[in-house]
N, C-alpha and C. Protein backbone atom coordinates (compact mmCIF):
# COMPACT_ATOMS: atom_id res chain seq x y z
N MET A 1 -40.43 106.44 166.07
CA MET A 1 -39.45 106.33 164.92
C MET A 1 -39.37 104.99 164.82
N SER A 2 -38.79 104.37 163.27
CA SER A 2 -38.30 103.29 163.47
C SER A 2 -37.09 103.43 162.49
N SER A 3 -36.39 102.22 161.59
CA SER A 3 -35.87 101.95 160.64
C SER A 3 -36.26 101.46 159.63
N LEU A 4 -35.72 101.82 158.57
CA LEU A 4 -36.04 100.43 157.65
C LEU A 4 -34.45 100.42 156.84
N PHE A 5 -34.63 99.25 156.33
CA PHE A 5 -33.13 98.88 155.30
C PHE A 5 -33.40 98.94 154.05
N SER A 6 -33.05 99.94 153.12
CA SER A 6 -33.04 100.28 151.47
C SER A 6 -32.72 98.23 150.65
N ALA A 7 -33.68 98.47 149.80
CA ALA A 7 -32.69 97.64 148.57
C ALA A 7 -31.35 97.40 148.58
N GLU A 8 -30.56 98.34 148.33
CA GLU A 8 -29.13 99.05 148.50
C GLU A 8 -28.37 98.50 149.92
N GLY A 9 -29.23 98.38 150.88
CA GLY A 9 -28.57 97.92 152.18
C GLY A 9 -28.27 99.87 152.64
N GLU A 10 -28.95 100.28 152.90
CA GLU A 10 -29.11 101.37 153.38
C GLU A 10 -30.36 101.74 154.46
N GLN A 11 -29.72 102.18 156.05
CA GLN A 11 -30.77 102.52 156.44
C GLN A 11 -31.28 103.71 156.59
N VAL A 12 -32.96 104.17 156.41
CA VAL A 12 -33.05 104.70 156.22
C VAL A 12 -34.47 105.17 157.96
N PRO A 13 -34.26 106.09 157.93
CA PRO A 13 -34.88 106.54 159.24
C PRO A 13 -36.62 107.50 159.24
N VAL A 14 -37.47 106.70 159.94
CA VAL A 14 -38.63 106.61 159.32
C VAL A 14 -39.71 106.63 160.64
N THR A 15 -40.63 107.42 159.71
CA THR A 15 -41.42 107.66 161.22
C THR A 15 -43.03 106.12 160.58
N VAL A 16 -43.87 105.86 161.56
CA VAL A 16 -45.16 104.64 161.25
C VAL A 16 -46.10 105.44 161.38
N LEU A 17 -46.92 106.14 160.46
CA LEU A 17 -48.52 106.53 160.98
C LEU A 17 -49.36 105.17 160.76
N GLN A 18 -50.31 104.87 161.64
CA GLN A 18 -52.02 104.63 161.33
C GLN A 18 -52.65 105.49 160.39
N VAL A 19 -52.82 105.49 159.79
CA VAL A 19 -53.63 106.33 158.65
C VAL A 19 -54.75 105.51 158.07
N GLY A 20 -55.99 105.78 158.47
CA GLY A 20 -57.70 105.12 158.11
C GLY A 20 -57.56 104.05 158.58
N PRO A 21 -58.70 103.42 158.15
CA PRO A 21 -59.50 103.59 157.20
C PRO A 21 -60.17 104.96 157.75
N CYS A 22 -60.53 106.41 156.88
CA CYS A 22 -61.18 107.37 157.01
C CYS A 22 -63.07 107.17 156.11
N VAL A 23 -63.57 107.62 157.04
CA VAL A 23 -65.06 107.28 156.85
C VAL A 23 -65.58 109.30 156.40
N VAL A 24 -65.89 109.16 154.93
CA VAL A 24 -66.69 110.15 154.69
C VAL A 24 -67.59 110.69 155.22
N THR A 25 -67.96 111.26 156.29
CA THR A 25 -69.35 111.98 157.04
C THR A 25 -69.85 112.81 156.29
N GLN A 26 -69.44 114.09 155.52
CA GLN A 26 -70.16 115.06 154.75
C GLN A 26 -69.63 115.23 153.62
N VAL A 27 -70.18 115.58 152.50
CA VAL A 27 -69.50 116.41 151.10
C VAL A 27 -69.98 117.67 151.44
N LYS A 28 -69.05 118.70 151.34
CA LYS A 28 -69.45 119.95 151.10
C LYS A 28 -69.33 120.66 149.40
N THR A 29 -69.79 121.13 148.95
CA THR A 29 -70.09 121.85 147.43
C THR A 29 -69.89 122.93 148.04
N ARG A 30 -69.41 123.87 146.91
CA ARG A 30 -69.56 125.20 146.54
C ARG A 30 -70.96 125.65 146.22
N ASP A 31 -72.15 124.66 145.97
CA ASP A 31 -73.18 125.23 145.93
C ASP A 31 -73.74 125.28 147.34
N THR A 32 -73.36 124.36 147.85
CA THR A 32 -74.44 124.30 149.79
C THR A 32 -73.33 125.21 150.54
N ASP A 33 -72.04 124.94 150.89
CA ASP A 33 -71.35 125.31 151.62
C ASP A 33 -70.61 126.23 151.43
N GLY A 34 -70.49 126.88 149.92
CA GLY A 34 -69.42 128.25 149.40
C GLY A 34 -68.34 127.30 149.49
N TYR A 35 -67.92 126.25 149.47
CA TYR A 35 -66.39 125.46 148.83
C TYR A 35 -66.47 124.59 149.02
N ASP A 36 -65.22 123.82 148.52
CA ASP A 36 -65.33 121.89 147.78
C ASP A 36 -64.43 121.49 149.13
N ALA A 37 -64.89 120.68 149.65
CA ALA A 37 -64.27 119.91 150.81
C ALA A 37 -64.95 118.48 151.26
N LEU A 38 -64.19 117.87 151.83
CA LEU A 38 -64.71 116.14 152.49
C LEU A 38 -64.43 116.41 154.17
N GLN A 39 -65.17 116.18 154.48
CA GLN A 39 -65.54 116.13 156.52
C GLN A 39 -65.28 113.97 156.13
N VAL A 40 -64.10 114.25 157.15
CA VAL A 40 -63.66 112.96 157.21
C VAL A 40 -64.00 112.38 158.76
N GLY A 41 -64.68 111.11 158.82
CA GLY A 41 -63.93 110.62 160.65
C GLY A 41 -63.03 109.22 160.16
N PHE A 42 -62.10 109.58 162.26
CA PHE A 42 -61.76 109.02 162.42
C PHE A 42 -61.38 107.87 163.09
N LEU A 43 -61.15 106.32 163.30
CA LEU A 43 -61.39 105.77 164.70
C LEU A 43 -63.06 105.60 165.05
N GLU A 44 -63.84 105.01 164.52
CA GLU A 44 -65.06 104.89 164.79
C GLU A 44 -65.49 104.03 166.43
N LYS A 45 -66.25 104.72 166.89
CA LYS A 45 -66.74 104.52 168.38
C LYS A 45 -67.53 103.14 168.30
N GLN A 46 -67.45 102.20 169.04
CA GLN A 46 -68.31 101.15 169.12
C GLN A 46 -69.60 101.67 169.85
N SER A 47 -69.33 102.49 170.63
CA SER A 47 -70.84 103.54 171.29
C SER A 47 -70.88 104.81 170.96
N SER A 48 -72.37 105.09 170.86
CA SER A 48 -72.63 106.33 170.85
C SER A 48 -73.42 107.16 171.87
N SER A 49 -72.87 105.82 173.63
CA SER A 49 -73.07 106.99 173.92
C SER A 49 -72.77 108.47 174.50
N ARG A 50 -71.34 108.40 174.56
CA ARG A 50 -70.81 109.90 174.55
C ARG A 50 -70.78 110.57 173.22
N THR A 51 -71.53 110.63 172.65
CA THR A 51 -71.97 111.77 171.55
C THR A 51 -73.49 111.94 171.58
N SER A 52 -73.65 113.89 170.79
CA SER A 52 -74.85 114.31 171.28
C SER A 52 -75.72 114.12 170.40
N LYS A 53 -76.81 113.72 170.27
CA LYS A 53 -77.80 113.32 169.31
C LYS A 53 -77.31 114.23 168.62
N ALA A 54 -77.33 115.41 168.44
CA ALA A 54 -76.85 116.49 166.78
C ALA A 54 -75.86 115.69 166.15
N LEU A 55 -74.98 115.04 166.87
CA LEU A 55 -74.11 114.45 165.73
C LEU A 55 -74.17 112.91 165.51
N GLN A 56 -75.08 111.81 166.27
CA GLN A 56 -76.05 110.91 166.41
C GLN A 56 -76.36 110.93 164.65
N GLY A 57 -77.04 111.85 164.57
CA GLY A 57 -77.79 112.39 163.73
C GLY A 57 -76.58 112.64 162.39
N HIS A 58 -75.77 113.29 162.47
CA HIS A 58 -75.25 113.52 161.10
C HIS A 58 -74.59 112.71 161.50
N PHE A 59 -73.74 111.18 161.98
CA PHE A 59 -72.83 110.52 161.65
C PHE A 59 -73.93 109.32 161.41
N LYS A 60 -74.99 109.21 161.44
CA LYS A 60 -76.05 107.79 160.87
C LYS A 60 -76.02 108.18 159.16
N LYS A 61 -75.77 109.84 159.12
CA LYS A 61 -76.09 109.59 157.28
C LYS A 61 -75.21 108.62 156.58
N ALA A 62 -73.89 108.82 157.44
CA ALA A 62 -72.57 107.96 156.82
C ALA A 62 -72.88 106.40 157.04
N GLY A 63 -73.19 106.00 158.44
CA GLY A 63 -73.72 104.95 158.81
C GLY A 63 -72.71 104.40 159.92
N GLY A 64 -72.20 105.12 160.63
CA GLY A 64 -71.20 104.94 161.66
C GLY A 64 -72.54 106.02 163.27
N GLN A 65 -71.74 105.30 164.04
CA GLN A 65 -72.12 105.50 165.70
C GLN A 65 -71.48 106.56 165.94
N GLY A 66 -69.73 107.23 165.54
CA GLY A 66 -69.93 108.24 165.81
C GLY A 66 -68.33 108.10 165.65
N TYR A 67 -67.20 109.12 165.87
CA TYR A 67 -65.86 109.04 166.03
C TYR A 67 -65.23 109.82 166.15
N GLY A 68 -63.77 109.11 166.83
CA GLY A 68 -63.17 109.27 167.60
C GLY A 68 -62.34 111.04 167.53
N PHE A 69 -61.98 111.33 165.83
CA PHE A 69 -61.56 112.51 165.66
C PHE A 69 -62.23 112.62 164.25
N VAL A 70 -63.09 114.03 163.61
CA VAL A 70 -63.76 114.57 162.80
C VAL A 70 -62.66 115.30 161.70
N GLY A 71 -62.63 115.91 160.21
CA GLY A 71 -61.51 116.64 159.84
C GLY A 71 -61.91 117.40 159.08
N GLU A 72 -61.35 118.03 158.11
CA GLU A 72 -61.67 118.76 156.89
C GLU A 72 -60.59 118.23 156.20
N PHE A 73 -61.33 117.99 154.52
CA PHE A 73 -59.73 118.24 153.50
C PHE A 73 -60.85 118.69 152.43
N ALA A 74 -59.24 119.86 151.45
CA ALA A 74 -60.29 120.40 150.69
C ALA A 74 -59.77 119.59 149.35
N VAL A 75 -60.83 119.25 148.83
CA VAL A 75 -60.67 118.76 147.56
C VAL A 75 -60.96 119.36 146.32
N GLU A 76 -60.61 119.20 144.93
CA GLU A 76 -60.62 119.79 143.48
C GLU A 76 -62.08 119.44 143.46
N ASP A 77 -62.11 118.32 143.24
CA ASP A 77 -63.91 117.63 142.71
C ASP A 77 -64.97 116.95 143.66
N PRO A 78 -65.33 117.39 144.46
CA PRO A 78 -66.10 116.22 145.86
C PRO A 78 -67.10 115.73 144.88
N SER A 79 -68.06 115.33 144.18
CA SER A 79 -67.89 114.40 143.06
C SER A 79 -68.13 113.23 142.81
N GLU A 80 -66.56 113.39 143.38
CA GLU A 80 -66.03 111.99 142.73
C GLU A 80 -65.84 110.57 144.68
N TYR A 81 -66.31 111.37 144.98
CA TYR A 81 -66.52 110.93 147.10
C TYR A 81 -68.05 110.69 147.15
N ALA A 82 -68.23 109.86 148.07
CA ALA A 82 -69.67 109.73 148.47
C ALA A 82 -70.06 109.53 149.47
N LEU A 83 -71.11 109.96 150.38
CA LEU A 83 -71.15 109.36 151.27
C LEU A 83 -70.97 108.39 152.58
N GLY A 84 -70.60 108.01 153.32
CA GLY A 84 -70.02 106.77 153.27
C GLY A 84 -69.09 106.39 153.21
N GLN A 85 -68.39 106.35 152.01
CA GLN A 85 -67.31 106.02 151.37
C GLN A 85 -66.22 105.82 152.57
N ALA A 86 -65.44 104.83 152.34
CA ALA A 86 -63.90 104.47 153.01
C ALA A 86 -62.95 104.73 152.54
N LEU A 87 -62.20 105.78 153.07
CA LEU A 87 -60.96 105.97 152.19
C LEU A 87 -59.58 105.23 152.75
N THR A 88 -59.05 104.25 151.84
CA THR A 88 -58.08 103.20 152.79
C THR A 88 -56.83 103.86 152.21
N ILE A 89 -55.76 103.55 152.43
CA ILE A 89 -54.43 103.96 152.46
C ILE A 89 -54.17 103.68 151.14
N ASP A 90 -54.91 102.25 150.42
CA ASP A 90 -53.51 102.25 149.32
C ASP A 90 -54.38 102.66 148.48
N ASP A 91 -56.01 103.60 148.34
CA ASP A 91 -55.99 104.50 147.61
C ASP A 91 -55.60 105.74 147.32
N MET A 92 -55.69 106.34 148.48
CA MET A 92 -54.95 107.45 148.28
C MET A 92 -53.92 108.01 148.21
N PHE A 93 -52.42 106.70 148.54
CA PHE A 93 -50.98 107.06 148.33
C PHE A 93 -50.38 105.70 147.88
N LYS A 94 -48.78 106.17 147.60
CA LYS A 94 -48.43 105.00 146.64
C LYS A 94 -46.71 105.28 146.98
N ILE A 95 -46.12 104.24 146.97
CA ILE A 95 -44.44 104.53 147.16
C ILE A 95 -44.32 104.74 146.45
N GLY A 96 -43.17 105.84 147.20
CA GLY A 96 -42.17 107.13 146.34
C GLY A 96 -43.55 108.28 146.39
N ASP A 97 -44.84 108.89 147.06
CA ASP A 97 -45.11 110.04 146.82
C ASP A 97 -44.45 110.58 148.23
N LEU A 98 -45.12 112.26 147.62
CA LEU A 98 -44.30 113.25 148.63
C LEU A 98 -45.77 113.88 149.87
N VAL A 99 -45.67 113.72 150.56
CA VAL A 99 -46.39 114.55 151.64
C VAL A 99 -46.47 115.16 152.43
N ASP A 100 -47.05 116.14 152.84
CA ASP A 100 -47.44 116.95 154.36
C ASP A 100 -47.73 116.30 155.23
N VAL A 101 -47.46 116.51 156.56
CA VAL A 101 -47.63 115.71 158.04
C VAL A 101 -47.89 116.93 158.90
N ALA A 102 -49.26 117.58 159.09
CA ALA A 102 -48.98 118.67 160.27
C ALA A 102 -49.85 117.51 161.40
N GLY A 103 -49.26 118.51 162.23
CA GLY A 103 -50.12 117.34 163.81
C GLY A 103 -49.58 118.79 165.17
N ILE A 104 -49.82 118.68 166.11
CA ILE A 104 -49.17 119.63 167.41
C ILE A 104 -47.93 119.25 168.26
N SER A 105 -46.79 120.01 168.00
CA SER A 105 -45.24 119.73 168.42
C SER A 105 -45.43 119.53 169.98
N LYS A 106 -44.69 118.55 170.53
CA LYS A 106 -44.71 118.66 172.16
C LYS A 106 -44.48 119.81 172.47
N GLY A 107 -45.35 120.01 173.65
CA GLY A 107 -45.36 120.88 174.50
C GLY A 107 -43.83 120.94 175.52
N LYS A 108 -43.47 121.94 175.54
CA LYS A 108 -41.75 122.04 176.35
C LYS A 108 -42.23 123.06 177.79
N GLY A 109 -42.80 123.69 177.69
CA GLY A 109 -43.35 124.31 179.50
C GLY A 109 -43.08 125.64 178.49
N PHE A 110 -42.87 126.74 179.73
CA PHE A 110 -41.88 128.01 179.67
C PHE A 110 -40.28 128.15 179.05
N ALA A 111 -39.76 128.38 178.12
CA ALA A 111 -38.88 128.15 177.99
C ALA A 111 -37.55 129.42 177.78
N GLY A 112 -36.35 129.75 177.46
CA GLY A 112 -36.17 130.89 177.37
C GLY A 112 -35.34 130.67 175.96
N VAL A 113 -34.97 131.86 175.46
CA VAL A 113 -34.11 131.84 174.35
C VAL A 113 -34.13 131.51 172.99
N ILE A 114 -32.59 130.31 173.97
CA ILE A 114 -32.02 129.75 173.82
C ILE A 114 -32.22 128.61 173.38
N LYS A 115 -33.14 127.71 174.50
CA LYS A 115 -33.88 126.76 174.30
C LYS A 115 -34.85 126.73 172.78
N ARG A 116 -35.82 128.04 173.21
CA ARG A 116 -36.92 128.16 172.19
C ARG A 116 -36.77 128.60 170.62
N TRP A 117 -35.72 129.48 170.90
CA TRP A 117 -35.82 129.64 169.45
C TRP A 117 -33.92 129.89 168.93
N GLY A 118 -33.14 129.31 169.41
CA GLY A 118 -32.23 128.67 169.62
C GLY A 118 -30.71 129.80 169.20
N PHE A 119 -31.19 130.72 169.97
CA PHE A 119 -30.31 131.98 170.22
C PHE A 119 -28.95 131.83 171.04
N SER A 120 -27.79 131.67 170.40
CA SER A 120 -26.27 131.50 170.66
C SER A 120 -25.78 131.64 172.33
N GLY A 121 -26.48 132.96 172.53
CA GLY A 121 -25.75 133.04 174.54
C GLY A 121 -24.75 134.04 174.11
N GLY A 122 -24.44 134.58 175.46
CA GLY A 122 -23.03 135.41 174.88
C GLY A 122 -21.73 134.37 175.48
N ARG A 123 -20.63 134.98 176.03
CA ARG A 123 -19.48 134.11 176.25
C ARG A 123 -19.72 133.41 177.09
N LYS A 124 -18.64 132.16 177.59
CA LYS A 124 -18.24 130.85 179.00
C LYS A 124 -17.30 132.15 179.87
N THR A 125 -16.72 132.61 179.33
CA THR A 125 -15.41 133.43 180.19
C THR A 125 -16.49 134.16 181.36
N HIS A 126 -15.14 134.14 182.54
CA HIS A 126 -15.80 134.45 184.06
C HIS A 126 -15.25 136.17 183.67
N GLY A 127 -16.56 136.28 184.37
CA GLY A 127 -16.52 137.64 184.61
C GLY A 127 -17.79 138.08 183.52
N SER A 128 -17.96 137.70 182.25
CA SER A 128 -19.24 137.59 181.62
C SER A 128 -20.60 138.40 181.41
N MET A 129 -20.53 137.58 182.62
CA MET A 129 -22.41 138.21 183.62
C MET A 129 -23.91 138.11 182.06
N PHE A 130 -23.19 137.66 181.03
CA PHE A 130 -23.81 137.75 180.17
C PHE A 130 -23.88 136.01 179.29
N HIS A 131 -25.01 135.22 179.77
CA HIS A 131 -24.91 134.47 179.57
C HIS A 131 -25.69 133.25 178.59
N ARG A 132 -26.92 133.00 178.48
CA ARG A 132 -28.13 132.60 178.24
C ARG A 132 -29.30 133.90 178.33
N ALA A 133 -29.30 135.02 177.96
CA ALA A 133 -30.00 136.18 178.63
C ALA A 133 -30.49 136.70 176.77
N PRO A 134 -31.08 136.91 176.26
CA PRO A 134 -32.17 137.58 174.88
C PRO A 134 -31.15 138.58 174.26
N GLY A 135 -30.62 139.49 174.84
CA GLY A 135 -29.84 141.07 174.63
C GLY A 135 -30.53 142.01 174.62
N SER A 136 -30.24 142.63 173.53
CA SER A 136 -30.65 144.11 173.02
C SER A 136 -32.49 144.00 172.92
N VAL A 137 -33.77 143.94 172.69
CA VAL A 137 -34.78 143.87 172.54
C VAL A 137 -34.99 145.04 171.93
N GLY A 138 -34.62 146.40 171.78
CA GLY A 138 -34.86 147.49 170.95
C GLY A 138 -34.28 149.41 171.69
N ALA A 139 -34.52 150.03 170.74
CA ALA A 139 -33.84 151.39 170.81
C ALA A 139 -34.70 151.48 171.53
N SER A 140 -33.64 152.65 173.45
CA SER A 140 -34.68 153.32 174.51
C SER A 140 -35.34 154.42 173.95
N ALA A 141 -35.08 155.61 173.02
CA ALA A 141 -35.75 156.33 172.78
C ALA A 141 -37.56 156.14 171.75
N THR A 142 -36.47 155.77 170.46
CA THR A 142 -37.07 155.73 169.23
C THR A 142 -36.98 154.37 169.00
N PRO A 143 -38.20 153.16 169.15
CA PRO A 143 -40.10 154.03 169.33
C PRO A 143 -39.91 153.92 171.00
N SER A 144 -39.37 153.41 171.80
CA SER A 144 -39.51 153.92 173.00
C SER A 144 -40.27 152.34 173.43
N LYS A 145 -40.44 151.00 173.25
CA LYS A 145 -40.89 149.92 173.24
C LYS A 145 -40.86 148.74 172.51
N VAL A 146 -41.04 147.85 173.34
CA VAL A 146 -40.40 146.40 172.12
C VAL A 146 -41.30 145.75 171.05
N ILE A 147 -41.11 145.97 169.98
CA ILE A 147 -41.73 145.42 168.81
C ILE A 147 -42.55 144.32 168.73
N LYS A 148 -43.50 144.50 168.28
CA LYS A 148 -44.27 143.47 168.56
C LYS A 148 -43.74 142.07 167.18
N GLY A 149 -43.56 140.78 167.99
CA GLY A 149 -42.84 139.71 166.95
C GLY A 149 -41.57 138.96 167.68
N ARG A 150 -41.15 140.02 168.59
CA ARG A 150 -39.54 140.20 168.69
C ARG A 150 -39.68 138.87 169.68
N LYS A 151 -38.26 137.71 169.19
CA LYS A 151 -38.38 136.57 169.99
C LYS A 151 -37.52 136.57 171.38
N LEU A 152 -39.08 136.36 172.48
CA LEU A 152 -38.12 136.37 173.79
C LEU A 152 -38.85 134.99 174.30
N PRO A 153 -38.26 135.13 175.45
CA PRO A 153 -38.62 133.15 176.01
C PRO A 153 -39.99 133.64 176.44
N GLY A 154 -41.11 132.58 176.60
CA GLY A 154 -42.05 131.62 176.13
C GLY A 154 -42.78 130.60 176.13
N HIS A 155 -43.60 130.10 176.52
CA HIS A 155 -44.13 128.35 176.28
C HIS A 155 -43.72 128.27 174.76
N CYS A 156 -42.85 127.37 175.36
CA CYS A 156 -42.81 126.34 173.93
C CYS A 156 -43.04 125.31 173.41
N GLY A 157 -43.05 125.19 172.40
CA GLY A 157 -43.71 123.89 171.88
C GLY A 157 -45.10 123.88 171.55
N ASP A 158 -45.71 123.08 171.06
CA ASP A 158 -47.57 122.98 171.62
C ASP A 158 -47.94 123.68 170.87
N ARG A 159 -47.88 123.55 169.72
CA ARG A 159 -48.39 124.32 168.52
C ARG A 159 -48.32 124.04 167.15
N ARG A 160 -49.63 123.98 166.03
CA ARG A 160 -49.24 123.35 164.88
C ARG A 160 -48.30 123.18 163.89
N VAL A 161 -47.64 122.44 163.76
CA VAL A 161 -46.44 122.47 162.52
C VAL A 161 -46.88 121.43 161.65
N THR A 162 -46.37 121.80 160.24
CA THR A 162 -46.26 121.02 159.27
C THR A 162 -44.52 121.06 158.87
N VAL A 163 -44.21 120.06 158.23
CA VAL A 163 -43.31 119.37 157.58
C VAL A 163 -44.24 119.12 156.70
N ARG A 164 -42.84 119.63 155.45
CA ARG A 164 -43.35 119.10 154.23
C ARG A 164 -42.66 118.07 152.70
N ASN A 165 -42.70 117.73 152.39
CA ASN A 165 -42.24 116.68 151.26
C ASN A 165 -41.49 115.47 152.04
N LEU A 166 -41.87 114.62 152.53
CA LEU A 166 -41.79 114.04 153.40
C LEU A 166 -42.40 112.40 151.76
N GLU A 167 -41.58 111.55 152.53
CA GLU A 167 -41.48 110.55 151.19
C GLU A 167 -42.21 108.95 151.82
N VAL A 168 -42.90 108.57 151.23
CA VAL A 168 -43.32 107.30 151.44
C VAL A 168 -42.70 105.95 151.00
N VAL A 169 -42.22 105.72 151.97
CA VAL A 169 -41.17 104.10 152.34
C VAL A 169 -41.64 103.25 151.85
N ASP A 170 -42.51 103.02 152.28
CA ASP A 170 -43.48 101.88 152.42
C ASP A 170 -44.94 101.90 152.40
N ILE A 171 -46.05 101.32 151.88
CA ILE A 171 -47.37 101.05 152.85
C ILE A 171 -47.45 100.07 152.77
N ARG A 172 -48.36 99.58 153.98
CA ARG A 172 -48.90 97.98 154.47
C ARG A 172 -50.16 97.93 154.90
N PRO A 173 -51.14 97.49 153.68
CA PRO A 173 -52.88 98.21 154.09
C PRO A 173 -53.03 97.25 154.39
N GLU A 174 -53.03 96.06 154.81
CA GLU A 174 -53.99 95.04 155.77
C GLU A 174 -53.75 95.41 157.18
N GLN A 175 -52.41 96.52 157.18
CA GLN A 175 -52.17 97.29 159.00
C GLN A 175 -52.99 98.62 158.86
N ASP A 176 -53.01 98.87 157.55
CA ASP A 176 -53.57 100.29 157.39
C ASP A 176 -52.01 101.35 158.08
N LEU A 177 -50.81 101.32 157.78
CA LEU A 177 -49.85 101.60 157.96
C LEU A 177 -49.45 102.36 156.96
N LEU A 178 -48.59 103.83 157.21
CA LEU A 178 -47.81 104.52 156.56
C LEU A 178 -46.64 104.56 156.78
N ILE A 179 -45.44 104.34 156.09
CA ILE A 179 -44.43 104.56 156.45
C ILE A 179 -43.57 105.55 155.96
N VAL A 180 -42.99 106.89 156.36
CA VAL A 180 -42.81 107.76 155.64
C VAL A 180 -41.19 108.37 156.15
N LYS A 181 -40.57 108.69 155.78
CA LYS A 181 -39.20 108.77 155.31
C LYS A 181 -39.13 110.08 156.54
N GLY A 182 -38.51 110.08 158.03
CA GLY A 182 -38.27 111.16 158.56
C GLY A 182 -38.93 111.35 159.74
N ALA A 183 -38.73 112.83 160.01
CA ALA A 183 -39.31 112.76 161.46
C ALA A 183 -41.46 113.61 161.44
N VAL A 184 -41.82 112.60 162.57
CA VAL A 184 -43.35 114.33 161.77
C VAL A 184 -43.68 115.09 163.64
N PRO A 185 -44.34 115.82 163.53
CA PRO A 185 -44.64 116.27 164.31
C PRO A 185 -45.09 115.84 165.39
N GLY A 186 -45.68 116.03 167.05
CA GLY A 186 -46.09 115.53 167.59
C GLY A 186 -45.06 114.01 168.65
N SER A 187 -46.39 113.37 169.58
CA SER A 187 -45.38 112.50 170.42
C SER A 187 -46.30 111.26 170.02
N LYS A 188 -45.98 110.09 170.21
CA LYS A 188 -46.64 108.88 170.68
C LYS A 188 -48.14 109.07 170.39
N LEU A 189 -48.62 108.55 169.53
CA LEU A 189 -49.81 108.09 169.57
C LEU A 189 -50.40 109.35 169.11
N GLY A 190 -49.79 110.43 168.96
CA GLY A 190 -50.48 112.29 169.06
C GLY A 190 -51.08 111.84 167.10
N LEU A 191 -52.27 112.81 167.19
CA LEU A 191 -53.14 112.96 166.08
C LEU A 191 -52.39 113.81 165.05
N VAL A 192 -52.03 113.24 163.63
CA VAL A 192 -51.17 114.12 162.21
C VAL A 192 -53.13 113.84 161.46
N GLU A 193 -52.42 115.39 160.35
CA GLU A 193 -53.20 114.62 159.48
C GLU A 193 -51.92 114.41 158.34
N VAL A 194 -52.41 113.56 157.14
CA VAL A 194 -51.61 113.74 155.90
C VAL A 194 -51.91 113.63 155.03
N ARG A 195 -51.45 114.44 154.12
CA ARG A 195 -51.85 115.37 152.79
C ARG A 195 -51.20 114.70 151.43
N ARG A 196 -52.03 115.07 150.80
CA ARG A 196 -51.27 114.77 149.40
C ARG A 196 -51.63 115.23 148.04
N PRO A 197 -51.77 115.62 147.14
CA PRO A 197 -50.21 116.43 146.94
C PRO A 197 -49.60 117.32 148.45
N SER A 198 -48.01 117.42 147.68
CA SER A 198 -47.51 118.34 149.19
C SER A 198 -48.50 120.10 148.06
N ILE A 199 -48.61 120.71 149.11
CA ILE A 199 -48.99 122.53 149.38
C ILE A 199 -48.08 123.03 148.34
N ARG A 200 -47.05 123.14 148.69
CA ARG A 200 -45.97 123.80 147.96
C ARG A 200 -45.21 123.74 147.03
N ARG A 201 -45.40 121.79 147.23
CA ARG A 201 -44.46 121.53 145.94
C ARG A 201 -45.92 122.27 144.24
N LYS A 202 -46.44 121.76 145.11
CA LYS A 202 -48.04 121.84 143.80
C LYS A 202 -48.06 123.47 143.40
N ARG A 203 -47.57 124.28 144.74
CA ARG A 203 -48.10 125.81 143.99
C ARG A 203 -46.51 125.84 142.95
N HIS A 204 -45.37 125.51 143.37
CA HIS A 204 -44.45 126.32 142.16
C HIS A 204 -44.47 125.14 141.68
């Protein structure tokens, strides 16, 4: 993360994302694949030595040797895109847009309910004997089991998280940088997906 100063002199906390250029490696249509989507590749490889023969042939149709990451994005009209087309940051976003950013959150290992779920815990007084425990997890006689989905200790983090409606503060096409207001999931140099427009906002 970093920060920018607005024209009014206000300090804005931001996250700097390298977005693209992404290359369209496959155009999926409802007639051929059953749904409309684009398969895009990010971070083109300089050598195809570590790419399987099948993928080499697949990427060759788009004019590339291979990509470090490949993903799919649903589109309404796939006919607007062509195989091998480069999707640049200034074509997809503009300042003021709201975007959704999805990624894998930081893994924190095994954690208790206070760290994992934000439980308040028990009293800190002397003799309490109840400080960081989860408390009651169900009835003893009926149903005589712990209900599935109960918040308990376990593996914390390392899951897909989506942060919605982040505002695009600045765009720097010459560096392929997208600067959004706020934080995004994941660690430094982690892979994220940036989608526009926001799915939840569009649905409402």
